């Protein structure tokens, strides 16, 4: 029954662009898809490996700026630049990951936060390379040969095809030896080490994978808006990514879609509602509402909105026997 409903929902979703006449609503679904790519990677890092990161917006921005700089200043092909947008954040994550991931709990969160602030400052101050606060224009549309993604209609299918591929990859990762090792680390890093798991390597792999997906999302975002500036890659965006992951459900496959969809939809509603209720209010009131939502979710749905009906990824609670099998 669930499989049949999933197929029906998928077919209806695929047909959506044919019935949605407003580019505004179609663009919301595209943004949800792009953010889902980032949050899927964050879900691997936080939900599987149990490592907190407030720096995903930095990797998201590195991917976006890689596309912008390589296509406008160095005239790279759009596909080649997109590949670079995925590889560059992964390389940065590999360089900073090993010393950073030695930290734990609040110290790890502060380190990733500092990294995000540093990268955002570079985007603002590196005027000769990044354009500074004014950003960069003239980014070409993504093109695969003669297929140019210059309309929301086409971009919708591109983004959600990428999301589907990531879903399949995360699903396979959850069932793999590496996925089981990540969940073992989440439950108890000391126990994982005692059973022969190289915890430093596994945490680094999760960190690199999350940066890789964030870079992919950033590159796709740059091709979609054809303009880039530092504002979408600040600390508030990292907070929203964490919020999306927690609300949807950490360590799940479908949870990120729920979390991203809810937060993006709520953001759009608040943009319309807050000026009517509080004419003198600014954007800071959105953060207040998001904070209230996070508190409510933590109280009433600590495992996320997807808990209860989703098919949960294989859990680390399967027992010590599974943990031991992971090591061997």
C-alpha atoms as a PDB file:
ATOM      1  CA  UNK A   1       0.000   0.000   0.000  1.00  0.00           C
ATOM      2  CA  UNK A   2       2.779   2.429   0.928  1.00  0.00           C
ATOM      3  CA  UNK A   3       4.634   1.597  -2.289  1.00  0.00           C
ATOM      4  CA  UNK A   4       1.535   2.278  -4.379  1.00  0.00           C
ATOM      5  CA  UNK A   5       0.969   5.616  -2.626  1.00  0.00           C
ATOM      6  CA  UNK A   6       4.612   6.544  -3.166  1.00  0.00           C
ATOM      7  CA  UNK A   7       4.328   5.790  -6.896  1.00  0.00           C
ATOM      8  CA  UNK A   8       1.130   7.833  -7.187  1.00  0.00           C
ATOM      9  CA  UNK A   9       2.665  10.732  -5.301  1.00  0.00           C
ATOM     10  CA  UNK A  10       5.769  10.550  -7.512  1.00  0.00           C
ATOM     11  CA  UNK A  11       3.721  10.654 -10.714  1.00  0.00           C
ATOM     12  CA  UNK A  12       1.663  13.589  -9.459  1.00  0.00           C
ATOM     13  CA  UNK A  13       4.834  15.419  -8.457  1.00  0.00           C
ATOM     14  CA  UNK A  14       6.438  14.811 -11.864  1.00  0.00           C
ATOM     15  CA  UNK A  15       3.354  16.224 -13.554  1.00  0.00           C
ATOM     16  CA  UNK A  16       3.385  19.317 -11.354  1.00  0.00           C
ATOM     17  CA  UNK A  17       5.159  21.666 -13.816  1.00  0.00           C
ATOM     18  CA  UNK A  18       2.448  21.018 -16.399  1.00  0.00           C
ATOM     19  CA  UNK A  19      -0.253  22.283 -14.033  1.00  0.00           C
ATOM     20  CA  UNK A  20       1.560  25.024 -12.110  1.00  0.00           C
ATOM     21  CA  UNK A  21       1.284  28.112 -14.273  1.00  0.00           C
ATOM     22  CA  UNK A  22       3.090  30.446 -11.873  1.00  0.00           C
ATOM     23  CA  UNK A  23       6.888  30.499 -12.059  1.00  0.00           C
ATOM     24  CA  UNK A  24       6.857  31.718  -8.456  1.00  0.00           C
ATOM     25  CA  UNK A  25       5.477  28.440  -7.111  1.00  0.00           C
ATOM     26  CA  UNK A  26       7.665  26.417  -9.439  1.00  0.00           C
ATOM     27  CA  UNK A  27      10.726  28.308  -8.197  1.00  0.00           C
ATOM     28  CA  UNK A  28       9.795  27.420  -4.598  1.00  0.00           C
ATOM     29  CA  UNK A  29       9.878  23.718  -5.478  1.00  0.00           C
ATOM     30  CA  UNK A  30      13.242  24.207  -7.204  1.00  0.00           C
ATOM     31  CA  UNK A  31      14.680  25.928  -4.120  1.00  0.00           C
ATOM     32  CA  UNK A  32      13.313  23.132  -1.928  1.00  0.00           C
ATOM     33  CA  UNK A  33      15.128  20.615  -4.137  1.00  0.00           C
ATOM     34  CA  UNK A  34      18.413  22.545  -3.994  1.00  0.00           C
ATOM     35  CA  UNK A  35      18.278  22.902  -0.216  1.00  0.00           C
ATOM     36  CA  UNK A  36      17.374  19.219   0.109  1.00  0.00           C
ATOM     37  CA  UNK A  37      20.731  18.333  -1.458  1.00  0.00           C
ATOM     38  CA  UNK A  38      22.510  20.278   1.286  1.00  0.00           C
ATOM     39  CA  UNK A  39      20.374  18.887   4.105  1.00  0.00           C
ATOM     40  CA  UNK A  40      20.791  15.291   2.904  1.00  0.00           C
ATOM     41  CA  UNK A  41      24.533  15.712   3.338  1.00  0.00           C
ATOM     42  CA  UNK A  42      24.054  17.366   6.717  1.00  0.00           C
ATOM     43  CA  UNK A  43      21.781  14.489   7.705  1.00  0.00           C
ATOM     44  CA  UNK A  44      24.608  12.064   6.979  1.00  0.00           C
ATOM     45  CA  UNK A  45      27.021  14.090   9.092  1.00  0.00           C
ATOM     46  CA  UNK A  46      24.664  14.710  12.022  1.00  0.00           C
ATOM     47  CA  UNK A  47      22.196  11.843  11.850  1.00  0.00           C
ATOM     48  CA  UNK A  48      24.578   9.037  10.919  1.00  0.00           C
ATOM     49  CA  UNK A  49      27.988  10.132  12.216  1.00  0.00           C
ATOM     50  CA  UNK A  50      26.652  12.266  15.076  1.00  0.00           C
ATOM     51  CA  UNK A  51      28.831  15.308  14.270  1.00  0.00           C
ATOM     52  CA  UNK A  52      27.367  18.823  14.486  1.00  0.00           C
ATOM     53  CA  UNK A  53      28.181  21.391  11.792  1.00  0.00           C
ATOM     54  CA  UNK A  54      27.208  25.046  11.517  1.00  0.00           C
ATOM     55  CA  UNK A  55      29.344  25.565   8.432  1.00  0.00           C
ATOM     56  CA  UNK A  56      27.304  23.981   5.638  1.00  0.00           C
ATOM     57  CA  UNK A  57      26.387  27.368   4.180  1.00  0.00           C
ATOM     58  CA  UNK A  58      30.119  27.943   3.638  1.00  0.00           C
ATOM     59  CA  UNK A  59      30.447  24.798   1.509  1.00  0.00           C
ATOM     60  CA  UNK A  60      27.216  25.771  -0.248  1.00  0.00           C
ATOM     61  CA  UNK A  61      28.754  29.147  -1.041  1.00  0.00           C
ATOM     62  CA  UNK A  62      32.101  27.700  -2.149  1.00  0.00           C
ATOM     63  CA  UNK A  63      30.250  25.591  -4.712  1.00  0.00           C
ATOM     64  CA  UNK A  64      28.281  28.587  -5.933  1.00  0.00           C
ATOM     65  CA  UNK A  65      31.283  30.878  -6.195  1.00  0.00           C
ATOM     66  CA  UNK A  66      33.335  28.153  -7.893  1.00  0.00           C
ATOM     67  CA  UNK A  67      30.761  28.043 -10.698  1.00  0.00           C
ATOM     68  CA  UNK A  68      30.541  31.844 -10.878  1.00  0.00           C
ATOM     69  CA  UNK A  69      34.293  32.449 -10.981  1.00  0.00           C
ATOM     70  CA  UNK A  70      35.196  29.586 -13.305  1.00  0.00           C
ATOM     71  CA  UNK A  71      32.477  30.359 -15.879  1.00  0.00           C
ATOM     72  CA  UNK A  72      32.686  34.170 -15.902  1.00  0.00           C
ATOM     73  CA  UNK A  73      36.392  34.836 -15.309  1.00  0.00           C
ATOM     74  CA  UNK A  74      38.036  31.707 -16.722  1.00  0.00           C
ATOM     75  CA  UNK A  75      35.332  30.711 -19.229  1.00  0.00           C
ATOM     76  CA  UNK A  76      35.143  27.076 -18.226  1.00  0.00           C
ATOM     77  CA  UNK A  77      32.373  24.893 -19.601  1.00  0.00           C
ATOM     78  CA  UNK A  78      29.289  24.743 -17.406  1.00  0.00           C
ATOM     79  CA  UNK A  79      29.503  21.000 -16.744  1.00  0.00           C
ATOM     80  CA  UNK A  80      33.220  21.164 -15.913  1.00  0.00           C
ATOM     81  CA  UNK A  81      32.600  24.071 -13.552  1.00  0.00           C
ATOM     82  CA  UNK A  82      29.808  22.122 -11.832  1.00  0.00           C
ATOM     83  CA  UNK A  83      32.181  19.211 -11.255  1.00  0.00           C
ATOM     84  CA  UNK A  84      34.702  21.648  -9.777  1.00  0.00           C
ATOM     85  CA  UNK A  85      31.935  23.041  -7.553  1.00  0.00           C
ATOM     86  CA  UNK A  86      31.519  19.583  -6.044  1.00  0.00           C
ATOM     87  CA  UNK A  87      35.220  18.740  -5.776  1.00  0.00           C
ATOM     88  CA  UNK A  88      36.471  22.030  -4.301  1.00  0.00           C
ATOM     89  CA  UNK A  89      34.309  21.975  -1.120  1.00  0.00           C
ATOM     90  CA  UNK A  90      35.189  18.311  -0.655  1.00  0.00           C
ATOM     91  CA  UNK A  91      38.904  19.159  -0.845  1.00  0.00           C
ATOM     92  CA  UNK A  92      38.448  22.016   1.643  1.00  0.00           C
ATOM     93  CA  UNK A  93      36.548  19.658   3.950  1.00  0.00           C
ATOM     94  CA  UNK A  94      39.362  17.114   3.706  1.00  0.00           C
ATOM     95  CA  UNK A  95      41.933  19.775   4.628  1.00  0.00           C
ATOM     96  CA  UNK A  96      40.107  21.218   7.628  1.00  0.00           C
ATOM     97  CA  UNK A  97      38.218  18.089   8.662  1.00  0.00           C
ATOM     98  CA  UNK A  98      40.886  16.064  10.392  1.00  0.00           C
ATOM     99  CA  UNK A  99      41.920  18.727  12.936  1.00  0.00           C
ATOM    100  CA  UNK A 100      38.362  20.060  13.312  1.00  0.00           C
ATOM    101  CA  UNK A 101      36.720  16.689  13.901  1.00  0.00           C
ATOM    102  CA  UNK A 102      39.065  15.980  16.799  1.00  0.00           C
ATOM    103  CA  UNK A 103      36.889  18.420  18.706  1.00  0.00           C
ATOM    104  CA  UNK A 104      33.618  17.279  20.235  1.00  0.00           C
ATOM    105  CA  UNK A 105      30.190  18.632  21.083  1.00  0.00           C
ATOM    106  CA  UNK A 106      30.092  22.414  21.568  1.00  0.00           C
ATOM    107  CA  UNK A 107      33.743  22.870  20.556  1.00  0.00           C
ATOM    108  CA  UNK A 108      33.095  21.190  17.208  1.00  0.00           C
ATOM    109  CA  UNK A 109      30.026  23.376  16.685  1.00  0.00           C
ATOM    110  CA  UNK A 110      32.060  26.516  17.433  1.00  0.00           C
ATOM    111  CA  UNK A 111      34.859  25.447  15.083  1.00  0.00           C
ATOM    112  CA  UNK A 112      32.474  24.882  12.165  1.00  0.00           C
ATOM    113  CA  UNK A 113      30.735  28.155  13.010  1.00  0.00           C
ATOM    114  CA  UNK A 114      34.081  29.985  12.878  1.00  0.00           C
ATOM    115  CA  UNK A 115      34.861  28.369   9.520  1.00  0.00           C
ATOM    116  CA  UNK A 116      31.510  29.500   8.128  1.00  0.00           C
ATOM    117  CA  UNK A 117      32.058  33.076   9.336  1.00  0.00           C
ATOM    118  CA  UNK A 118      35.577  33.107   7.871  1.00  0.00           C
ATOM    119  CA  UNK A 119      34.375  31.965   4.440  1.00  0.00           C
ATOM    120  CA  UNK A 120      31.483  34.438   4.471  1.00  0.00           C
ATOM    121  CA  UNK A 121      33.921  37.245   5.320  1.00  0.00           C
ATOM    122  CA  UNK A 122      36.112  36.200   2.398  1.00  0.00           C
ATOM    123  CA  UNK A 123      33.112  36.357   0.056  1.00  0.00           C
ATOM    124  CA  UNK A 124      32.453  39.906   1.237  1.00  0.00           C
ATOM    125  CA  UNK A 125      36.021  41.183   1.298  1.00  0.00           C
ATOM    126  CA  UNK A 126      37.589  39.399  -1.677  1.00  0.00           C
ATOM    127  CA  UNK A 127      36.275  41.987  -4.107  1.00  0.00           C
ATOM    128  CA  UNK A 128      38.718  41.272  -6.948  1.00  0.00           C
ATOM    129  CA  UNK A 129      37.778  37.595  -7.017  1.00  0.00           C
ATOM    130  CA  UNK A 130      34.243  37.390  -5.613  1.00  0.00           C
ATOM    131  CA  UNK A 131      32.869  40.835  -6.430  1.00  0.00           C
ATOM    132  CA  UNK A 132      32.432  41.674  -2.746  1.00  0.00           C
ATOM    133  CA  UNK A 133      28.981  42.508  -1.359  1.00  0.00           C
ATOM    134  CA  UNK A 134      27.720  43.397  -4.848  1.00  0.00           C
ATOM    135  CA  UNK A 135      28.245  39.838  -6.014  1.00  0.00           C
ATOM    136  CA  UNK A 136      28.812  38.505  -9.516  1.00  0.00           C
ATOM    137  CA  UNK A 137      26.547  38.571 -12.544  1.00  0.00           C
ATOM    138  CA  UNK A 138      26.686  37.004 -15.977  1.00  0.00           C
ATOM    139  CA  UNK A 139      26.697  33.358 -14.893  1.00  0.00           C
ATOM    140  CA  UNK A 140      25.597  31.314 -17.915  1.00  0.00           C
ATOM    141  CA  UNK A 141      22.825  28.750 -17.870  1.00  0.00           C
ATOM    142  CA  UNK A 142      23.828  25.159 -17.264  1.00  0.00           C
ATOM    143  CA  UNK A 143      24.035  23.260 -20.544  1.00  0.00           C
ATOM    144  CA  UNK A 144      24.564  19.615 -21.454  1.00  0.00           C
ATOM    145  CA  UNK A 145      25.398  19.865 -25.133  1.00  0.00           C
ATOM    146  CA  UNK A 146      22.348  21.365 -26.862  1.00  0.00           C
ATOM    147  CA  UNK A 147      20.180  20.964 -23.755  1.00  0.00           C
ATOM    148  CA  UNK A 148      20.188  24.338 -21.993  1.00  0.00           C
ATOM    149  CA  UNK A 149      18.447  24.699 -18.637  1.00  0.00           C
ATOM    150  CA  UNK A 150      17.165  28.217 -19.189  1.00  0.00           C
ATOM    151  CA  UNK A 151      13.606  27.771 -17.913  1.00  0.00           C
ATOM    152  CA  UNK A 152      12.129  26.858 -14.542  1.00  0.00           C
ATOM    153  CA  UNK A 153      10.294  24.001 -16.251  1.00  0.00           C
ATOM    154  CA  UNK A 154      13.578  22.327 -17.226  1.00  0.00           C
ATOM    155  CA  UNK A 155      15.359  23.175 -13.999  1.00  0.00           C
ATOM    156  CA  UNK A 156      12.618  21.576 -11.936  1.00  0.00           C
ATOM    157  CA  UNK A 157      13.308  18.164 -13.482  1.00  0.00           C
ATOM    158  CA  UNK A 158      17.090  18.602 -13.298  1.00  0.00           C
ATOM    159  CA  UNK A 159      17.061  19.450  -9.592  1.00  0.00           C
ATOM    160  CA  UNK A 160      14.687  16.674  -8.576  1.00  0.00           C
ATOM    161  CA  UNK A 161      16.545  14.126 -10.701  1.00  0.00           C
ATOM    162  CA  UNK A 162      19.657  15.025  -8.694  1.00  0.00           C
ATOM    163  CA  UNK A 163      17.668  14.726  -5.450  1.00  0.00           C
ATOM    164  CA  UNK A 164      16.493  11.249  -6.477  1.00  0.00           C
ATOM    165  CA  UNK A 165      20.073  10.164  -7.232  1.00  0.00           C
ATOM    166  CA  UNK A 166      21.177  11.457  -3.838  1.00  0.00           C
ATOM    167  CA  UNK A 167      18.301   9.582  -2.158  1.00  0.00           C
ATOM    168  CA  UNK A 168      19.486   6.346  -3.754  1.00  0.00           C
ATOM    169  CA  UNK A 169      23.080   7.054  -2.753  1.00  0.00           C
ATOM    170  CA  UNK A 170      22.142   7.798   0.874  1.00  0.00           C
ATOM    171  CA  UNK A 171      19.965   4.678   0.987  1.00  0.00           C
ATOM    172  CA  UNK A 172      22.847   2.503  -0.191  1.00  0.00           C
ATOM    173  CA  UNK A 173      25.244   4.244   2.174  1.00  0.00           C
ATOM    174  CA  UNK A 174      22.955   3.492   5.121  1.00  0.00           C
ATOM    175  CA  UNK A 175      23.105  -0.225   4.309  1.00  0.00           C
ATOM    176  CA  UNK A 176      26.857  -0.293   3.729  1.00  0.00           C
ATOM    177  CA  UNK A 177      29.671  -1.069   6.134  1.00  0.00           C
ATOM    178  CA  UNK A 178      30.625   2.622   6.235  1.00  0.00           C
ATOM    179  CA  UNK A 179      27.055   3.611   7.068  1.00  0.00           C
ATOM    180  CA  UNK A 180      26.908   1.125   9.938  1.00  0.00           C
ATOM    181  CA  UNK A 181      30.264   2.424  11.192  1.00  0.00           C
ATOM    182  CA  UNK A 182      28.932   5.996  11.143  1.00  0.00           C
ATOM    183  CA  UNK A 183      25.918   5.041  13.228  1.00  0.00           C
ATOM    184  CA  UNK A 184      28.142   3.147  15.628  1.00  0.00           C
ATOM    185  CA  UNK A 185      30.180   6.322  16.138  1.00  0.00           C
ATOM    186  CA  UNK A 186      26.983   8.261  16.745  1.00  0.00           C
ATOM    187  CA  UNK A 187      25.934   5.881  19.492  1.00  0.00           C
ATOM    188  CA  UNK A 188      29.328   5.645  21.196  1.00  0.00           C
ATOM    189  CA  UNK A 189      32.626   6.721  19.713  1.00  0.00           C
ATOM    190  CA  UNK A 190      34.582   4.901  22.417  1.00  0.00           C
ATOM    191  CA  UNK A 191      32.695   1.656  21.792  1.00  0.00           C
ATOM    192  CA  UNK A 192      33.272   2.028  18.042  1.00  0.00           C
ATOM    193  CA  UNK A 193      37.005   2.478  18.575  1.00  0.00           C
ATOM    194  CA  UNK A 194      37.073  -0.525  20.905  1.00  0.00           C
ATOM    195  CA  UNK A 195      35.592  -2.619  18.098  1.00  0.00           C
ATOM    196  CA  UNK A 196      38.284  -1.606  15.636  1.00  0.00           C
ATOM    197  CA  UNK A 197      36.547   1.184  13.720  1.00  0.00           C
ATOM    198  CA  UNK A 198      38.782   4.002  12.498  1.00  0.00           C
ATOM    199  CA  UNK A 199      36.543   6.734  13.888  1.00  0.00           C
ATOM    200  CA  UNK A 200      38.699   9.607  12.601  1.00  0.00           C
ATOM    201  CA  UNK A 201      38.522   8.320   9.036  1.00  0.00           C
ATOM    202  CA  UNK A 202      34.787   7.599   9.141  1.00  0.00           C
ATOM    203  CA  UNK A 203      33.950  11.036  10.560  1.00  0.00           C
ATOM    204  CA  UNK A 204      36.152  12.647   7.932  1.00  0.00           C
ATOM    205  CA  UNK A 205      34.389  10.707   5.176  1.00  0.00           C
ATOM    206  CA  UNK A 206      31.002  11.902   6.442  1.00  0.00           C
ATOM    207  CA  UNK A 207      32.285  15.485   6.582  1.00  0.00           C
ATOM    208  CA  UNK A 208      33.651  15.306   3.031  1.00  0.00           C
ATOM    209  CA  UNK A 209      30.446  13.754   1.698  1.00  0.00           C
ATOM    210  CA  UNK A 210      28.320  16.481   3.272  1.00  0.00           C
ATOM    211  CA  UNK A 211      30.587  19.160   1.763  1.00  0.00           C
ATOM    212  CA  UNK A 212      30.429  17.443  -1.637  1.00  0.00           C
ATOM    213  CA  UNK A 213      26.619  17.589  -1.662  1.00  0.00           C
ATOM    214  CA  UNK A 214      26.612  21.186  -0.408  1.00  0.00           C
ATOM    215  CA  UNK A 215      28.972  22.125  -3.240  1.00  0.00           C
ATOM    216  CA  UNK A 216      26.717  20.409  -5.762  1.00  0.00           C
ATOM    217  CA  UNK A 217      23.747  22.356  -4.414  1.00  0.00           C
ATOM    218  CA  UNK A 218      25.727  25.616  -4.517  1.00  0.00           C
ATOM    219  CA  UNK A 219      26.740  25.070  -8.132  1.00  0.00           C
ATOM    220  CA  UNK A 220      23.188  24.270  -9.186  1.00  0.00           C
ATOM    221  CA  UNK A 221      21.931  27.309  -7.270  1.00  0.00           C
ATOM    222  CA  UNK A 222      24.390  29.588  -9.105  1.00  0.00           C
ATOM    223  CA  UNK A 223      23.240  28.263 -12.485  1.00  0.00           C
ATOM    224  CA  UNK A 224      19.621  28.722 -11.487  1.00  0.00           C
ATOM    225  CA  UNK A 225      19.758  32.352 -10.331  1.00  0.00           C
ATOM    226  CA  UNK A 226      22.667  33.319 -12.702  1.00  0.00           C
ATOM    227  CA  UNK A 227      23.807  35.758 -10.011  1.00  0.00           C
ATOM    228  CA  UNK A 228      25.628  35.237  -6.758  1.00  0.00           C
ATOM    229  CA  UNK A 229      26.352  37.359  -3.685  1.00  0.00           C
ATOM    230  CA  UNK A 230      27.475  36.612  -0.103  1.00  0.00           C
ATOM    231  CA  UNK A 231      24.047  37.136   1.514  1.00  0.00           C
ATOM    232  CA  UNK A 232      22.626  33.591   0.959  1.00  0.00           C
ATOM    233  CA  UNK A 233      25.708  31.970   2.519  1.00  0.00           C
ATOM    234  CA  UNK A 234      25.838  33.563   5.946  1.00  0.00           C
ATOM    235  CA  UNK A 235      25.468  32.176   9.453  1.00  0.00           C
ATOM    236  CA  UNK A 236      21.669  32.408   9.343  1.00  0.00           C
ATOM    237  CA  UNK A 237      21.629  30.010   6.381  1.00  0.00           C
ATOM    238  CA  UNK A 238      23.710  27.449   8.267  1.00  0.00           C
ATOM    239  CA  UNK A 239      21.256  27.707  11.150  1.00  0.00           C
ATOM    240  CA  UNK A 240      18.365  27.130   8.765  1.00  0.00           C
ATOM    241  CA  UNK A 241      20.054  24.050   7.306  1.00  0.00           C
ATOM    242  CA  UNK A 242      20.454  22.575  10.791  1.00  0.00           C
ATOM    243  CA  UNK A 243      16.845  23.494  11.560  1.00  0.00           C
ATOM    244  CA  UNK A 244      15.650  21.759   8.392  1.00  0.00           C
ATOM    245  CA  UNK A 245      17.610  18.616   9.220  1.00  0.00           C
ATOM    246  CA  UNK A 246      16.349  18.436  12.803  1.00  0.00           C
ATOM    247  CA  UNK A 247      12.711  19.162  11.935  1.00  0.00           C
ATOM    248  CA  UNK A 248      12.649  16.570   9.173  1.00  0.00           C
ATOM    249  CA  UNK A 249      14.422  13.901  11.185  1.00  0.00           C
ATOM    250  CA  UNK A 250      18.129  13.125  11.463  1.00  0.00           C
ATOM    251  CA  UNK A 251      19.396   9.881  10.010  1.00  0.00           C
ATOM    252  CA  UNK A 252      16.455   9.521   7.616  1.00  0.00           C
ATOM    253  CA  UNK A 253      16.203   9.543   3.845  1.00  0.00           C
ATOM    254  CA  UNK A 254      12.930  11.427   3.388  1.00  0.00           C
ATOM    255  CA  UNK A 255      13.164  13.622   6.477  1.00  0.00           C
ATOM    256  CA  UNK A 256      15.223  16.366   4.773  1.00  0.00           C
ATOM    257  CA  UNK A 257      12.490  16.928   2.181  1.00  0.00           C
ATOM    258  CA  UNK A 258       9.915  17.420   4.936  1.00  0.00           C
ATOM    259  CA  UNK A 259      12.166  19.717   6.925  1.00  0.00           C
ATOM    260  CA  UNK A 260      13.203  21.807   3.933  1.00  0.00           C
ATOM    261  CA  UNK A 261       9.658  21.980   2.582  1.00  0.00           C
ATOM    262  CA  UNK A 262       8.249  23.155   5.906  1.00  0.00           C
ATOM    263  CA  UNK A 263      10.935  25.779   6.548  1.00  0.00           C
ATOM    264  CA  UNK A 264      10.864  27.186   2.992  1.00  0.00           C
ATOM    265  CA  UNK A 265       7.044  27.294   2.951  1.00  0.00           C
ATOM    266  CA  UNK A 266       7.013  28.936   6.363  1.00  0.00           C
ATOM    267  CA  UNK A 267       9.593  31.499   5.226  1.00  0.00           C
ATOM    268  CA  UNK A 268       7.374  32.483   2.313  1.00  0.00           C
ATOM    269  CA  UNK A 269       4.317  32.747   4.548  1.00  0.00           C
ATOM    270  CA  UNK A 270       6.184  34.864   7.099  1.00  0.00           C
ATOM    271  CA  UNK A 271       7.433  37.217   4.382  1.00  0.00           C
ATOM    272  CA  UNK A 272       3.801  37.942   3.582  1.00  0.00           C
ATOM    273  CA  UNK A 273       2.351  37.758   7.100  1.00  0.00           C
ATOM    274  CA  UNK A 274       4.847  39.646   9.291  1.00  0.00           C
ATOM    275  CA  UNK A 275       4.576  43.013   7.457  1.00  0.00           C
ATOM    276  CA  UNK A 276       0.789  42.844   7.883  1.00  0.00           C
ATOM    277  CA  UNK A 277       0.934  42.014  11.591  1.00  0.00           C
ATOM    278  CA  UNK A 278       4.035  44.068  12.472  1.00  0.00           C
ATOM    279  CA  UNK A 279       4.542  46.813   9.843  1.00  0.00           C
ATOM    280  CA  UNK A 280       7.795  48.017  11.409  1.00  0.00           C
ATOM    281  CA  UNK A 281       9.291  44.534  11.831  1.00  0.00           C
ATOM    282  CA  UNK A 282      12.380  43.322  10.030  1.00  0.00           C
ATOM    283  CA  UNK A 283      13.674  39.934   8.958  1.00  0.00           C
ATOM    284  CA  UNK A 284      14.874  39.136  12.476  1.00  0.00           C
ATOM    285  CA  UNK A 285      11.339  38.136  13.408  1.00  0.00           C
ATOM    286  CA  UNK A 286      11.623  35.118  11.128  1.00  0.00           C
ATOM    287  CA  UNK A 287      14.491  33.840  13.283  1.00  0.00           C
ATOM    288  CA  UNK A 288      12.248  34.186  16.347  1.00  0.00           C
ATOM    289  CA  UNK A 289       9.514  32.093  14.729  1.00  0.00           C
ATOM    290  CA  UNK A 290      12.024  29.474  13.601  1.00  0.00           C
ATOM    291  CA  UNK A 291      13.394  29.295  17.148  1.00  0.00           C
ATOM    292  CA  UNK A 292       9.890  28.711  18.520  1.00  0.00           C
ATOM    293  CA  UNK A 293       9.278  25.964  15.959  1.00  0.00           C
ATOM    294  CA  UNK A 294      12.566  24.256  16.822  1.00  0.00           C
ATOM    295  CA  UNK A 295      11.688  24.299  20.533  1.00  0.00           C
ATOM    296  CA  UNK A 296       8.257  22.812  19.842  1.00  0.00           C
ATOM    297  CA  UNK A 297       9.731  20.093  17.625  1.00  0.00           C
ATOM    298  CA  UNK A 298      12.312  19.218  20.268  1.00  0.00           C
ATOM    299  CA  UNK A 299       9.554  18.911  22.880  1.00  0.00           C
ATOM    300  CA  UNK A 300       6.855  17.061  20.936  1.00  0.00           C
ATOM    301  CA  UNK A 301       8.750  15.425  18.043  1.00  0.00           C
ATOM    302  CA  UNK A 302      12.401  15.061  19.076  1.00  0.00           C
ATOM    303  CA  UNK A 303      13.055  12.489  16.340  1.00  0.00           C
ATOM    304  CA  UNK A 304      11.636  14.732  13.605  1.00  0.00           C
ATOM    305  CA  UNK A 305       8.424  14.921  11.624  1.00  0.00           C
ATOM    306  CA  UNK A 306       9.225  11.859   9.529  1.00  0.00           C
ATOM    307  CA  UNK A 307       9.284   9.588  12.586  1.00  0.00           C
ATOM    308  CA  UNK A 308       6.397   7.128  12.734  1.00  0.00           C
ATOM    309  CA  UNK A 309       5.488   6.721   9.068  1.00  0.00           C
ATOM    310  CA  UNK A 310       8.838   6.684   7.279  1.00  0.00           C
ATOM    311  CA  UNK A 311      10.940   3.655   6.582  1.00  0.00           C
ATOM    312  CA  UNK A 312      13.754   4.394   8.951  1.00  0.00           C
ATOM    313  CA  UNK A 313      17.327   3.906   7.882  1.00  0.00           C
ATOM    314  CA  UNK A 314      18.896   0.890   9.578  1.00  0.00           C
ATOM    315  CA  UNK A 315      19.473   2.065  13.132  1.00  0.00           C
ATOM    316  CA  UNK A 316      22.482   1.693  15.302  1.00  0.00           C
ATOM    317  CA  UNK A 317      20.177   0.333  17.986  1.00  0.00           C
ATOM    318  CA  UNK A 318      20.246  -2.995  16.200  1.00  0.00           C
ATOM    319  CA  UNK A 319      22.624  -4.021  18.930  1.00  0.00           C
ATOM    320  CA  UNK A 320      26.187  -4.694  19.838  1.00  0.00           C
ATOM    321  CA  UNK A 321      26.261  -7.639  17.461  1.00  0.00           C
ATOM    322  CA  UNK A 322      25.791  -5.322  14.499  1.00  0.00           C
ATOM    323  CA  UNK A 323      28.487  -3.033  15.879  1.00  0.00           C
ATOM    324  CA  UNK A 324      30.887  -5.921  16.092  1.00  0.00           C
ATOM    325  CA  UNK A 325      30.054  -7.024  12.553  1.00  0.00           C
ATOM    326  CA  UNK A 326      30.837  -3.491  11.365  1.00  0.00           C
ATOM    327  CA  UNK A 327      34.363  -3.715  12.636  1.00  0.00           C
ATOM    328  CA  UNK A 328      35.022  -6.966  10.855  1.00  0.00           C
END
